[in-house]
Amino acid sequence: MTDRTMTVTCQTDPSGTTVLTVTGELDYHTAPRLSHALDDTPFGPSTPVVIDLSELTYCDSTGITALVTAYHRAQATGSRLFLSGVRHDLMRVFRTVGLDQVFTFHPTVEDAIDALRS
């Protein structure tokens, strides 16, 4: 955890789903970048959001807090929120803290978008 780089890219899928891709380490130093990206992301009943974590290499409690904040915003606005591509080691952490009971997970962004269509 010496390289404190993290990027967040945002794109809109043709289905209208906003996809945020988080790459690198999500920690105390980088979580504000995700928070700012989420602040700029439209949430609402007709604008679902998928957060792609397939390239996330590390996540501490500050990163988890940013994700939980996104969950609360989605709940408040009636938006559907999915996490995709969560690596096995990170999923273990999410299960340990009970986030597997909070979030809906899909293996890939495509799987998450397909689930929105059903």
Protein backbone atom coordinates (compact mmCIF):
# COMPACT_ATOMS: atom_id res chain seq x y z
CA MET A 1 0.00 0.00 0.00
CA THR A 2 2.77 2.39 -0.85
CA ASP A 3 1.28 3.52 -4.16
CA ARG A 4 -1.71 5.65 -3.27
CA THR A 5 -3.12 5.90 -6.75
CA MET A 6 -6.75 5.48 -7.52
CA THR A 7 -8.81 6.54 -10.47
CA VAL A 8 -12.53 6.77 -10.94
CA THR A 9 -13.93 6.87 -14.43
CA CYS A 10 -17.56 7.48 -15.21
CA GLN A 11 -19.45 6.51 -18.31
CA THR A 12 -23.05 6.05 -19.26
CA ASP A 13 -24.02 2.72 -20.77
CA PRO A 14 -26.46 2.82 -23.72
CA SER A 15 -29.06 1.43 -21.29
CA GLY A 16 -28.82 4.68 -19.29
CA THR A 17 -26.90 3.06 -16.45
CA THR A 18 -24.07 5.11 -14.98
CA VAL A 19 -20.96 2.98 -14.55
CA LEU A 20 -18.24 4.15 -12.18
CA THR A 21 -15.01 2.17 -12.53
CA VAL A 22 -12.71 2.33 -9.52
CA THR A 23 -9.08 1.35 -10.11
CA GLY A 24 -6.28 1.10 -7.55
CA GLU A 25 -6.42 1.59 -3.81
CA LEU A 26 -9.48 2.99 -2.06
CA ASP A 27 -8.33 4.30 1.29
CA TYR A 28 -8.25 7.37 3.53
CA HIS A 29 -6.16 9.29 1.02
CA THR A 30 -8.09 8.38 -2.11
CA ALA A 31 -11.69 7.98 -0.91
CA PRO A 32 -12.43 11.69 -1.46
CA ARG A 33 -11.95 11.09 -5.21
CA LEU A 34 -14.68 8.45 -5.16
CA SER A 35 -16.89 10.68 -3.00
CA HIS A 36 -16.53 13.56 -5.48
CA ALA A 37 -17.30 11.27 -8.40
CA LEU A 38 -20.38 10.00 -6.59
CA ASP A 39 -21.46 13.59 -5.87
CA ASP A 40 -21.35 14.23 -9.63
CA THR A 41 -23.24 11.03 -10.44
CA PRO A 42 -26.97 11.32 -11.11
CA PHE A 43 -28.98 9.03 -8.85
CA GLY A 44 -32.69 8.50 -9.35
CA PRO A 45 -35.37 5.95 -10.20
CA SER A 46 -34.51 6.07 -13.90
CA THR A 47 -30.73 6.30 -13.45
CA PRO A 48 -29.27 3.10 -11.98
CA VAL A 49 -25.62 3.05 -10.94
CA VAL A 50 -23.05 0.26 -11.15
CA ILE A 51 -19.76 0.63 -9.32
CA ASP A 52 -17.19 -1.59 -11.00
CA LEU A 53 -14.59 -2.74 -8.48
CA SER A 54 -12.86 -5.32 -10.67
CA GLU A 55 -9.64 -3.27 -10.72
CA LEU A 56 -9.76 -2.30 -7.04
CA THR A 57 -6.69 -3.70 -5.29
CA TYR A 58 -7.32 -2.49 -1.74
CA CYS A 59 -10.14 -0.99 0.31
CA ASP A 60 -9.99 0.20 3.90
CA SER A 61 -12.78 1.36 6.21
CA THR A 62 -12.80 4.83 4.67
CA GLY A 63 -13.41 3.29 1.27
CA ILE A 64 -16.17 1.13 2.69
CA THR A 65 -17.74 4.27 4.17
CA ALA A 66 -17.73 5.93 0.74
CA LEU A 67 -19.50 2.90 -0.74
CA VAL A 68 -22.06 2.85 2.09
CA THR A 69 -22.69 6.55 1.52
CA ALA A 70 -23.43 5.73 -2.14
CA TYR A 71 -25.86 3.05 -0.96
CA HIS A 72 -27.68 5.56 1.27
CA ARG A 73 -27.89 8.06 -1.56
CA ALA A 74 -29.31 5.40 -3.88
CA GLN A 75 -31.89 4.45 -1.26
CA ALA A 76 -32.88 8.08 -0.70
CA THR A 77 -33.35 8.76 -4.42
CA GLY A 78 -34.93 5.46 -5.46
CA SER A 79 -31.94 4.54 -7.61
CA ARG A 80 -30.75 0.98 -8.04
CA LEU A 81 -27.11 0.47 -7.08
CA PHE A 82 -25.02 -2.59 -7.85
CA LEU A 83 -21.40 -3.43 -7.19
CA SER A 84 -19.63 -5.53 -9.78
CA GLY A 85 -16.34 -7.35 -10.16
CA VAL A 86 -15.58 -7.58 -6.45
CA ARG A 87 -12.45 -9.68 -5.97
CA HIS A 88 -12.56 -12.65 -3.63
CA ASP A 89 -10.36 -11.04 -0.96
CA LEU A 90 -12.46 -7.87 -0.90
CA MET A 91 -15.69 -9.86 -0.86
CA ARG A 92 -14.40 -11.64 2.23
CA VAL A 93 -14.00 -8.26 3.95
CA PHE A 94 -17.47 -7.19 2.81
CA ARG A 95 -18.95 -10.39 4.22
CA THR A 96 -17.09 -9.94 7.50
CA VAL A 97 -18.59 -6.49 8.03
CA GLY A 98 -22.04 -7.51 6.77
CA LEU A 99 -22.07 -5.60 3.50
CA ASP A 100 -23.11 -8.72 1.63
CA GLN A 101 -26.48 -8.09 3.30
CA VAL A 102 -26.57 -4.48 2.08
CA PHE A 103 -25.27 -4.43 -1.49
CA THR A 104 -26.29 -6.37 -4.56
CA PHE A 105 -23.23 -7.87 -6.23
CA HIS A 106 -22.70 -9.08 -9.79
CA PRO A 107 -19.60 -10.69 -11.29
CA THR A 108 -19.32 -8.17 -14.14
CA VAL A 109 -20.72 -4.82 -15.22
CA GLU A 110 -22.52 -6.61 -18.04
CA ASP A 111 -24.19 -8.99 -15.57
CA ALA A 112 -25.30 -6.02 -13.45
CA ILE A 113 -26.76 -4.21 -16.45
CA ASP A 114 -28.52 -7.40 -17.58
CA ALA A 115 -30.04 -7.72 -14.09
CA LEU A 116 -31.42 -4.20 -14.41
CA ARG A 117 -33.28 -5.22 -17.54
CA SER A 118 -35.10 -8.05 -15.76
